[in-house]
PDB file of N, CA and C in Angstrom:
ATOM      1  N   MET A   1      25.987  85.149 -31.249  1.00  0.00           N
ATOM      2  CA  MET A   1      26.672  84.169 -32.068  1.00  0.00           C
ATOM      3  C   MET A   1      27.917  84.782 -32.695  1.00  0.00           C
ATOM      4  N   GLU A   2      27.785  86.009 -33.192  1.00  0.00           N
ATOM      5  CA  GLU A   2      28.922  86.664 -33.835  1.00  0.00           C
ATOM      6  C   GLU A   2      30.025  86.963 -32.832  1.00  0.00           C
ATOM      7  N   LYS A   3      29.620  87.325 -31.615  1.00  0.00           N
ATOM      8  CA  LYS A   3      30.626  87.620 -30.584  1.00  0.00           C
ATOM      9  C   LYS A   3      31.394  86.363 -30.210  1.00  0.00           C
ATOM     10  N   GLY A   4      30.704  85.242 -30.154  1.00  0.00           N
ATOM     11  CA  GLY A   4      31.362  83.983 -29.836  1.00  0.00           C
ATOM     12  C   GLY A   4      32.367  83.582 -30.900  1.00  0.00           C
ATOM     13  N   LEU A   5      31.987  83.739 -32.175  1.00  0.00           N
ATOM     14  CA  LEU A   5      32.903  83.419 -33.265  1.00  0.00           C
ATOM     15  C   LEU A   5      34.095  84.374 -33.290  1.00  0.00           C
ATOM     16  N   LEU A   6      33.839  85.635 -32.990  1.00  0.00           N
ATOM     17  CA  LEU A   6      34.933  86.605 -32.933  1.00  0.00           C
ATOM     18  C   LEU A   6      35.894  86.262 -31.800  1.00  0.00           C
ATOM     19  N   LEU A   7      35.354  85.871 -30.659  1.00  0.00           N
ATOM     20  CA  LEU A   7      36.193  85.469 -29.531  1.00  0.00           C
ATOM     21  C   LEU A   7      36.994  84.218 -29.869  1.00  0.00           C
ATOM     22  N   LEU A   8      36.374  83.260 -30.522  1.00  0.00           N
ATOM     23  CA  LEU A   8      37.071  82.053 -30.939  1.00  0.00           C
ATOM     24  C   LEU A   8      38.205  82.375 -31.911  1.00  0.00           C
ATOM     25  N   ALA A   9      37.939  83.227 -32.899  1.00  0.00           N
ATOM     26  CA  ALA A   9      38.965  83.603 -33.865  1.00  0.00           C
ATOM     27  C   ALA A   9      40.118  84.331 -33.166  1.00  0.00           C
ATOM     28  N   PHE A  10      39.805  85.216 -32.253  1.00  0.00           N
ATOM     29  CA  PHE A  10      40.837  85.938 -31.514  1.00  0.00           C
ATOM     30  C   PHE A  10      41.687  84.974 -30.695  1.00  0.00           C
ATOM     31  N   THR A  11      41.055  84.003 -30.060  1.00  0.00           N
ATOM     32  CA  THR A  11      41.789  83.021 -29.256  1.00  0.00           C
ATOM     33  C   THR A  11      42.707  82.165 -30.124  1.00  0.00           C
ATOM     34  N   VAL A  12      42.214  81.703 -31.255  1.00  0.00           N
ATOM     35  CA  VAL A  12      43.019  80.870 -32.143  1.00  0.00           C
ATOM     36  C   VAL A  12      44.211  81.666 -32.682  1.00  0.00           C
ATOM     37  N   ILE A  13      43.990  82.901 -33.086  1.00  0.00           N
ATOM     38  CA  ILE A  13      45.083  83.733 -33.599  1.00  0.00           C
ATOM     39  C   ILE A  13      46.107  84.003 -32.507  1.00  0.00           C
ATOM     40  N   THR A  14      45.662  84.257 -31.297  1.00  0.00           N
ATOM     41  CA  THR A  14      46.583  84.496 -30.188  1.00  0.00           C
ATOM     42  C   THR A  14      47.425  83.262 -29.900  1.00  0.00           C
ATOM     43  N   VAL A  15      46.820  82.086 -29.894  1.00  0.00           N
ATOM     44  CA  VAL A  15      47.560  80.851 -29.647  1.00  0.00           C
ATOM     45  C   VAL A  15      48.573  80.604 -30.758  1.00  0.00           C
ATOM     46  N   LEU A  16      48.199  80.851 -31.996  1.00  0.00           N
ATOM     47  CA  LEU A  16      49.132  80.672 -33.109  1.00  0.00           C
ATOM     48  C   LEU A  16      50.318  81.640 -33.015  1.00  0.00           C
ATOM     49  N   LEU A  17      50.051  82.881 -32.642  1.00  0.00           N
ATOM     50  CA  LEU A  17      51.143  83.847 -32.489  1.00  0.00           C
ATOM     51  C   LEU A  17      52.082  83.462 -31.349  1.00  0.00           C
ATOM     52  N   LEU A  18      51.513  83.017 -30.234  1.00  0.00           N
ATOM     53  CA  LEU A  18      52.354  82.587 -29.112  1.00  0.00           C
ATOM     54  C   LEU A  18      53.174  81.350 -29.480  1.00  0.00           C
ATOM     55  N   ASN A  19      52.574  80.434 -30.217  1.00  0.00           N
ATOM     56  CA  ASN A  19      53.297  79.247 -30.651  1.00  0.00           C
ATOM     57  C   ASN A  19      54.477  79.632 -31.548  1.00  0.00           C
ATOM     58  N   THR A  20      54.258  80.529 -32.479  1.00  0.00           N
ATOM     59  CA  THR A  20      55.328  80.983 -33.353  1.00  0.00           C
ATOM     60  C   THR A  20      56.436  81.664 -32.559  1.00  0.00           C
ATOM     61  N   LEU A  21      56.057  82.486 -31.591  1.00  0.00           N
ATOM     62  CA  LEU A  21      57.046  83.164 -30.756  1.00  0.00           C
ATOM     63  C   LEU A  21      57.896  82.161 -29.992  1.00  0.00           C
ATOM     64  N   PHE A  22      57.257  81.166 -29.377  1.00  0.00           N
ATOM     65  CA  PHE A  22      58.012  80.207 -28.579  1.00  0.00           C
ATOM     66  C   PHE A  22      58.857  79.281 -29.436  1.00  0.00           C
ATOM     67  N   LEU A  23      58.428  78.970 -30.644  1.00  0.00           N
ATOM     68  CA  LEU A  23      59.268  78.182 -31.536  1.00  0.00           C
ATOM     69  C   LEU A  23      60.534  78.947 -31.904  1.00  0.00           C
ATOM     70  N   ARG A  24      60.410  80.247 -32.089  1.00  0.00           N
ATOM     71  CA  ARG A  24      61.592  81.060 -32.374  1.00  0.00           C
ATOM     72  C   ARG A  24      62.505  81.165 -31.162  1.00  0.00           C
ATOM     73  N   ILE A  25      61.908  81.220 -29.980  1.00  0.00           N
ATOM     74  CA  ILE A  25      62.716  81.291 -28.761  1.00  0.00           C
ATOM     75  C   ILE A  25      63.518  80.003 -28.592  1.00  0.00           C
ATOM     76  N   PHE A  26      62.917  78.847 -28.887  1.00  0.00           N
ATOM     77  CA  PHE A  26      63.618  77.576 -28.727  1.00  0.00           C
ATOM     78  C   PHE A  26      64.778  77.427 -29.702  1.00  0.00           C
ATOM     79  N   LYS A  27      64.771  78.178 -30.790  1.00  0.00           N
ATOM     80  CA  LYS A  27      65.860  78.112 -31.755  1.00  0.00           C
ATOM     81  C   LYS A  27      67.034  79.015 -31.376  1.00  0.00           C
ATOM     82  N   LEU A  28      66.869  79.830 -30.349  1.00  0.00           N
ATOM     83  CA  LEU A  28      67.948  80.719 -29.914  1.00  0.00           C
ATOM     84  C   LEU A  28      69.032  79.922 -29.207  1.00  0.00           C
ATOM     85  N   PRO A  29      70.247  80.493 -29.129  1.00  0.00           N
ATOM     86  CA  PRO A  29      71.294  79.849 -28.326  1.00  0.00           C
ATOM     87  C   PRO A  29      70.887  79.796 -26.854  1.00  0.00           C
ATOM     88  N   LYS A  30      71.549  78.914 -26.107  1.00  0.00           N
ATOM     89  CA  LYS A  30      71.139  78.650 -24.730  1.00  0.00           C
ATOM     90  C   LYS A  30      71.211  79.889 -23.841  1.00  0.00           C
ATOM     91  N   HIS A  31      72.256  80.692 -23.957  1.00  0.00           N
ATOM     92  CA  HIS A  31      72.385  81.864 -23.079  1.00  0.00           C
ATOM     93  C   HIS A  31      71.295  82.893 -23.373  1.00  0.00           C
ATOM     94  N   LYS A  32      70.884  83.013 -24.630  1.00  0.00           N
ATOM     95  CA  LYS A  32      69.799  83.936 -24.955  1.00  0.00           C
ATOM     96  C   LYS A  32      68.456  83.392 -24.483  1.00  0.00           C
ATOM     97  N   ARG A  33      68.278  82.066 -24.552  1.00  0.00           N
ATOM     98  CA  ARG A  33      67.047  81.463 -24.041  1.00  0.00           C
ATOM     99  C   ARG A  33      66.899  81.699 -22.550  1.00  0.00           C
ATOM    100  N   GLU A  34      68.007  81.574 -21.818  1.00  0.00           N
ATOM    101  CA  GLU A  34      67.962  81.818 -20.374  1.00  0.00           C
ATOM    102  C   GLU A  34      67.576  83.262 -20.081  1.00  0.00           C
ATOM    103  N   ARG A  35      68.107  84.174 -20.858  1.00  0.00           N
ATOM    104  CA  ARG A  35      67.775  85.592 -20.674  1.00  0.00           C
ATOM    105  C   ARG A  35      66.301  85.852 -20.965  1.00  0.00           C
ATOM    106  N   VAL A  36      65.792  85.274 -22.046  1.00  0.00           N
ATOM    107  CA  VAL A  36      64.379  85.436 -22.395  1.00  0.00           C
ATOM    108  C   VAL A  36      63.502  84.802 -21.320  1.00  0.00           C
ATOM    109  N   ARG A  37      63.921  83.659 -20.797  1.00  0.00           N
ATOM    110  CA  ARG A  37      63.154  82.997 -19.738  1.00  0.00           C
ATOM    111  C   ARG A  37      63.068  83.874 -18.493  1.00  0.00           C
ATOM    112  N   LYS A  38      64.180  84.518 -18.138  1.00  0.00           N
ATOM    113  CA  LYS A  38      64.160  85.411 -16.977  1.00  0.00           C
ATOM    114  C   LYS A  38      63.206  86.582 -17.211  1.00  0.00           C
ATOM    115  N   ILE A  39      63.236  87.131 -18.404  1.00  0.00           N
ATOM    116  CA  ILE A  39      62.355  88.264 -18.715  1.00  0.00           C
ATOM    117  C   ILE A  39      60.894  87.828 -18.664  1.00  0.00           C
ATOM    118  N   LEU A  40      60.578  86.639 -19.207  1.00  0.00           N
ATOM    119  CA  LEU A  40      59.203  86.153 -19.186  1.00  0.00           C
ATOM    120  C   LEU A  40      58.726  85.888 -17.761  1.00  0.00           C
ATOM    121  N   TRP A  41      59.592  85.345 -16.893  1.00  0.00           N
ATOM    122  CA  TRP A  41      59.223  85.147 -15.489  1.00  0.00           C
ATOM    123  C   TRP A  41      58.970  86.480 -14.808  1.00  0.00           C
ATOM    124  N   LEU A  42      59.790  87.478 -15.140  1.00  0.00           N
ATOM    125  CA  LEU A  42      59.601  88.802 -14.547  1.00  0.00           C
ATOM    126  C   LEU A  42      58.262  89.403 -14.971  1.00  0.00           C
ATOM    127  N   VAL A  43      57.933  89.305 -16.246  1.00  0.00           N
ATOM    128  CA  VAL A  43      56.659  89.831 -16.744  1.00  0.00           C
ATOM    129  C   VAL A  43      55.489  89.075 -16.112  1.00  0.00           C
ATOM    130  N   TYR A  44      55.630  87.759 -15.992  1.00  0.00           N
ATOM    131  CA  TYR A  44      54.578  86.937 -15.396  1.00  0.00           C
ATOM    132  C   TYR A  44      54.352  87.319 -13.936  1.00  0.00           C
ATOM    133  N   SER A  45      55.428  87.526 -13.204  1.00  0.00           N
ATOM    134  CA  SER A  45      55.272  87.885 -11.789  1.00  0.00           C
ATOM    135  C   SER A  45      54.691  89.289 -11.639  1.00  0.00           C
ATOM    136  N   LEU A  46      55.097  90.225 -12.483  1.00  0.00           N
ATOM    137  CA  LEU A  46      54.520  91.567 -12.423  1.00  0.00           C
ATOM    138  C   LEU A  46      53.040  91.550 -12.806  1.00  0.00           C
ATOM    139  N   PHE A  47      52.675  90.660 -13.730  1.00  0.00           N
ATOM    140  CA  PHE A  47      51.274  90.502 -14.103  1.00  0.00           C
ATOM    141  C   PHE A  47      50.458  90.010 -12.905  1.00  0.00           C
ATOM    142  N   PHE A  48      50.991  89.029 -12.180  1.00  0.00           N
ATOM    143  CA  PHE A  48      50.298  88.526 -10.994  1.00  0.00           C
ATOM    144  C   PHE A  48      50.175  89.610  -9.930  1.00  0.00           C
ATOM    145  N   ILE A  49      51.229  90.366  -9.714  1.00  0.00           N
ATOM    146  CA  ILE A  49      51.169  91.439  -8.723  1.00  0.00           C
ATOM    147  C   ILE A  49      50.144  92.488  -9.146  1.00  0.00           C
ATOM    148  N   GLY A  50      50.079  92.807 -10.425  1.00  0.00           N
ATOM    149  CA  GLY A  50      49.097  93.762 -10.934  1.00  0.00           C
ATOM    150  C   GLY A  50      47.668  93.287 -10.738  1.00  0.00           C
ATOM    151  N   ILE A  51      47.432  91.994 -10.975  1.00  0.00           N
ATOM    152  CA  ILE A  51      46.092  91.451 -10.746  1.00  0.00           C
ATOM    153  C   ILE A  51      45.738  91.538  -9.267  1.00  0.00           C
ATOM    154  N   GLY A  52      46.707  91.240  -8.401  1.00  0.00           N
ATOM    155  CA  GLY A  52      46.461  91.329  -6.963  1.00  0.00           C
ATOM    156  C   GLY A  52      46.127  92.741  -6.525  1.00  0.00           C
ATOM    157  N   ILE A  53      46.847  93.717  -7.059  1.00  0.00           N
ATOM    158  CA  ILE A  53      46.569  95.121  -6.727  1.00  0.00           C
ATOM    159  C   ILE A  53      45.198  95.532  -7.245  1.00  0.00           C
ATOM    160  N   ALA A  54      44.842  95.038  -8.438  1.00  0.00           N
ATOM    161  CA  ALA A  54      43.510  95.354  -8.979  1.00  0.00           C
ATOM    162  C   ALA A  54      42.407  94.772  -8.095  1.00  0.00           C
ATOM    163  N   PHE A  55      42.604  93.558  -7.602  1.00  0.00           N
ATOM    164  CA  PHE A  55      41.619  92.969  -6.686  1.00  0.00           C
ATOM    165  C   PHE A  55      41.518  93.768  -5.397  1.00  0.00           C
ATOM    166  N   LEU A  56      42.655  94.217  -4.880  1.00  0.00           N
ATOM    167  CA  LEU A  56      42.632  94.964  -3.620  1.00  0.00           C
ATOM    168  C   LEU A  56      41.973  96.326  -3.775  1.00  0.00           C
ATOM    169  N   THR A  57      42.249  97.007  -4.884  1.00  0.00           N
ATOM    170  CA  THR A  57      41.678  98.339  -5.070  1.00  0.00           C
ATOM    171  C   THR A  57      40.190  98.286  -5.407  1.00  0.00           C
ATOM    172  N   SER A  58      39.744  97.202  -6.053  1.00  0.00           N
ATOM    173  CA  SER A  58      38.319  97.112  -6.376  1.00  0.00           C
ATOM    174  C   SER A  58      37.488  96.731  -5.157  1.00  0.00           C
ATOM    175  N   GLY A  59      38.106  96.112  -4.176  1.00  0.00           N
ATOM    176  CA  GLY A  59      37.399  95.736  -2.968  1.00  0.00           C
ATOM    177  C   GLY A  59      36.559  94.483  -3.097  1.00  0.00           C
ATOM    178  N   GLU A  60      36.687  93.767  -4.212  1.00  0.00           N
ATOM    179  CA  GLU A  60      35.877  92.571  -4.418  1.00  0.00           C
ATOM    180  C   GLU A  60      36.350  91.411  -3.549  1.00  0.00           C
ATOM    181  N   SER A  61      37.621  91.076  -3.669  1.00  0.00           N
ATOM    182  CA  SER A  61      38.121  89.900  -2.963  1.00  0.00           C
ATOM    183  C   SER A  61      39.519  90.200  -2.442  1.00  0.00           C
ATOM    184  N   THR A  62      39.612  90.565  -1.191  1.00  0.00           N
ATOM    185  CA  THR A  62      40.914  90.933  -0.640  1.00  0.00           C
ATOM    186  C   THR A  62      41.804  89.712  -0.440  1.00  0.00           C
ATOM    187  N   ILE A  63      41.209  88.577  -0.114  1.00  0.00           N
ATOM    188  CA  ILE A  63      42.022  87.365   0.075  1.00  0.00           C
ATOM    189  C   ILE A  63      42.674  86.962  -1.238  1.00  0.00           C
ATOM    190  N   SER A  64      41.920  86.997  -2.324  1.00  0.00           N
ATOM    191  CA  SER A  64      42.486  86.670  -3.632  1.00  0.00           C
ATOM    192  C   SER A  64      43.555  87.674  -4.029  1.00  0.00           C
ATOM    193  N   GLY A  65      43.334  88.945  -3.710  1.00  0.00           N
ATOM    194  CA  GLY A  65      44.319  89.970  -4.025  1.00  0.00           C
ATOM    195  C   GLY A  65      45.641  89.722  -3.328  1.00  0.00           C
ATOM    196  N   TYR A  66      45.556  89.434  -2.028  1.00  0.00           N
ATOM    197  CA  TYR A  66      46.786  89.142  -1.286  1.00  0.00           C
ATOM    198  C   TYR A  66      47.450  87.862  -1.792  1.00  0.00           C
ATOM    199  N   LEU A  67      46.646  86.866  -2.158  1.00  0.00           N
ATOM    200  CA  LEU A  67      47.201  85.621  -2.674  1.00  0.00           C
ATOM    201  C   LEU A  67      47.945  85.856  -3.991  1.00  0.00           C
ATOM    202  N   TYR A  68      47.354  86.635  -4.883  1.00  0.00           N
ATOM    203  CA  TYR A  68      48.023  86.944  -6.151  1.00  0.00           C
ATOM    204  C   TYR A  68      49.325  87.714  -5.913  1.00  0.00           C
ATOM    205  N   ILE A  69      49.315  88.651  -4.995  1.00  0.00           N
ATOM    206  CA  ILE A  69      50.529  89.424  -4.715  1.00  0.00           C
ATOM    207  C   ILE A  69      51.609  88.520  -4.125  1.00  0.00           C
ATOM    208  N   ILE A  70      51.225  87.624  -3.225  1.00  0.00           N
ATOM    209  CA  ILE A  70      52.207  86.711  -2.634  1.00  0.00           C
ATOM    210  C   ILE A  70      52.793  85.784  -3.694  1.00  0.00           C
ATOM    211  N   VAL A  71      51.960  85.263  -4.584  1.00  0.00           N
ATOM    212  CA  VAL A  71      52.455  84.389  -5.656  1.00  0.00           C
ATOM    213  C   VAL A  71      53.373  85.163  -6.597  1.00  0.00           C
ATOM    214  N   GLY A  72      53.016  86.405  -6.932  1.00  0.00           N
ATOM    215  CA  GLY A  72      53.873  87.228  -7.793  1.00  0.00           C
ATOM    216  C   GLY A  72      55.212  87.509  -7.159  1.00  0.00           C
ATOM    217  N   ILE A  73      55.223  87.822  -5.876  1.00  0.00           N
ATOM    218  CA  ILE A  73      56.491  88.057  -5.181  1.00  0.00           C
ATOM    219  C   ILE A  73      57.277  86.749  -5.088  1.00  0.00           C
ATOM    220  N   GLY A  74      56.575  85.641  -4.923  1.00  0.00           N
ATOM    221  CA  GLY A  74      57.250  84.340  -4.906  1.00  0.00           C
ATOM    222  C   GLY A  74      57.929  84.048  -6.228  1.00  0.00           C
ATOM    223  N   TYR A  75      57.254  84.349  -7.333  1.00  0.00           N
ATOM    224  CA  TYR A  75      57.880  84.164  -8.642  1.00  0.00           C
ATOM    225  C   TYR A  75      59.111  85.047  -8.795  1.00  0.00           C
ATOM    226  N   LEU A  76      59.017  86.290  -8.328  1.00  0.00           N
ATOM    227  CA  LEU A  76      60.179  87.170  -8.390  1.00  0.00           C
ATOM    228  C   LEU A  76      61.337  86.603  -7.576  1.00  0.00           C
ATOM    229  N   PHE A  77      61.030  86.101  -6.394  1.00  0.00           N
ATOM    230  CA  PHE A  77      62.070  85.557  -5.529  1.00  0.00           C
ATOM    231  C   PHE A  77      62.712  84.321  -6.152  1.00  0.00           C
ATOM    232  N   VAL A  78      61.898  83.428  -6.706  1.00  0.00           N
ATOM    233  CA  VAL A  78      62.434  82.225  -7.344  1.00  0.00           C
ATOM    234  C   VAL A  78      63.271  82.599  -8.557  1.00  0.00           C
ATOM    235  N   ASN A  79      62.826  83.583  -9.320  1.00  0.00           N
ATOM    236  CA  ASN A  79      63.595  84.032 -10.471  1.00  0.00           C
ATOM    237  C   ASN A  79      64.912  84.644 -10.027  1.00  0.00           C
ATOM    238  N   TRP A  80      64.888  85.331  -8.915  1.00  0.00           N
ATOM    239  CA  TRP A  80      66.115  85.941  -8.399  1.00  0.00           C
ATOM    240  C   TRP A  80      67.096  84.866  -7.956  1.00  0.00           C
ATOM    241  N   LEU A  81      66.586  83.768  -7.418  1.00  0.00           N
ATOM    242  CA  LEU A  81      67.449  82.661  -7.000  1.00  0.00           C
ATOM    243  C   LEU A  81      67.910  81.798  -8.174  1.00  0.00           C
ATOM    244  N   GLU A  82      67.354  82.040  -9.347  1.00  0.00           N
ATOM    245  CA  GLU A  82      67.648  81.294 -10.577  1.00  0.00           C
ATOM    246  C   GLU A  82      67.318  79.815 -10.425  1.00  0.00           C
ATOM    247  N   ARG A  83      66.191  79.535  -9.795  1.00  0.00           N
ATOM    248  CA  ARG A  83      65.760  78.149  -9.605  1.00  0.00           C
ATOM    249  C   ARG A  83      65.020  77.581 -10.816  1.00  0.00           C
ATOM    250  N   PRO A  84      64.285  78.378 -11.617  1.00  0.00           N
ATOM    251  CA  PRO A  84      63.510  77.734 -12.688  1.00  0.00           C
ATOM    252  C   PRO A  84      64.357  77.341 -13.897  1.00  0.00           C
ATOM    253  N   GLU A  85      65.495  76.681 -13.652  1.00  0.00           N
ATOM    254  CA  GLU A  85      66.360  76.265 -14.752  1.00  0.00           C
ATOM    255  C   GLU A  85      65.905  74.945 -15.357  1.00  0.00           C
ATOM    256  N   LYS A  86      65.284  74.100 -14.548  1.00  0.00           N
ATOM    257  CA  LYS A  86      64.852  72.805 -15.027  1.00  0.00           C
ATOM    258  C   LYS A  86      63.377  72.866 -15.415  1.00  0.00           C
ATOM    259  N   PRO A  87      63.017  72.277 -16.551  1.00  0.00           N
ATOM    260  CA  PRO A  87      61.589  72.249 -16.904  1.00  0.00           C
ATOM    261  C   PRO A  87      60.835  71.299 -15.982  1.00  0.00           C
ATOM    262  N   LEU A  88      59.567  71.573 -15.797  1.00  0.00           N
ATOM    263  CA  LEU A  88      58.749  70.739 -14.917  1.00  0.00           C
ATOM    264  C   LEU A  88      58.413  69.409 -15.545  1.00  0.00           C
TER     265      LEU A  88
END
């Protein structure tokens, strides 16, 4: 029970911190927002590639590992083309 409440508190605090961060990002000028967006896409794609490598090295699920690596490289490629300018 205590672990569940601790996990819930950690999740709520993390969401509040991320919300505060993104509200500050939205208040930045447009050119700085674009720069921050590129950095966040880069971190997101490297995170996906890291998860894929972890799956491959653990030997649990090689298909998932390759899929994560392909998606991470795809994010890098899209970021390089500067396509994610429009919100979904």
